[in-house]
């Protein structure tokens, strides 16, 4: 069955999706930058503690 026939589900998705996108970390520049910074620091620490 095609998703195009599931009108109620598609309508619900259309209503909820903008809020989900706004709540995503990628839509919050400060939270995204902090998460990226933490990830880079963790990678650097792993690299420094390895035999590389």
Protein backbone atom coordinates (compact mmCIF):
# COMPACT_ATOMS: atom_id res chain seq x y z
CA UNK A 1 0.00 0.00 0.00
CA UNK A 2 1.25 3.49 -0.80
CA UNK A 3 1.89 6.08 1.94
CA UNK A 4 -0.13 8.51 -0.17
CA UNK A 5 -3.28 6.67 0.88
CA UNK A 6 -2.55 7.16 4.60
CA UNK A 7 -3.93 10.70 4.69
CA UNK A 8 -4.37 10.86 8.48
CA UNK A 9 -0.78 9.76 9.15
CA UNK A 10 0.57 12.20 6.58
CA UNK A 11 -1.50 15.04 8.03
CA UNK A 12 -0.20 14.29 11.53
CA UNK A 13 3.37 14.21 10.23
CA UNK A 14 2.85 17.52 8.44
CA UNK A 15 1.67 19.12 11.70
CA UNK A 16 4.36 17.62 13.95
CA UNK A 17 7.44 17.79 11.72
CA UNK A 18 8.17 21.53 11.98
CA UNK A 19 8.28 21.31 15.78
CA UNK A 20 10.54 18.27 15.65
CA UNK A 21 12.90 20.08 13.28
CA UNK A 22 12.97 23.18 15.51
CA UNK A 23 13.74 20.99 18.54
CA UNK A 24 16.63 19.22 16.78
CA UNK A 25 20.13 20.16 17.92
CA UNK A 26 21.08 21.21 14.38
CA UNK A 27 18.50 24.02 14.62
CA UNK A 28 20.06 25.39 17.80
CA UNK A 29 23.45 26.88 16.85
CA UNK A 30 24.69 27.15 20.43
CA UNK A 31 23.78 23.57 21.35
CA UNK A 32 25.20 22.31 18.05
CA UNK A 33 28.50 24.17 18.56
CA UNK A 34 28.80 22.87 22.13
CA UNK A 35 28.12 19.29 21.01
CA UNK A 36 30.63 19.58 18.17
CA UNK A 37 33.23 21.05 20.55
CA UNK A 38 32.72 18.21 23.02
CA UNK A 39 33.01 15.64 20.24
CA UNK A 40 36.25 17.16 18.90
CA UNK A 41 37.72 17.33 22.39
CA UNK A 42 36.84 13.68 23.05
CA UNK A 43 38.41 12.63 19.72
CA UNK A 44 41.56 14.65 20.48
CA UNK A 45 41.87 13.12 23.95
CA UNK A 46 41.49 9.61 22.50
CA UNK A 47 44.10 10.40 19.87
CA UNK A 48 46.53 11.82 22.45
CA UNK A 49 46.16 8.79 24.72
CA UNK A 50 46.70 6.31 21.88
CA UNK A 51 50.01 5.11 20.44
CA UNK A 52 49.42 7.08 17.22
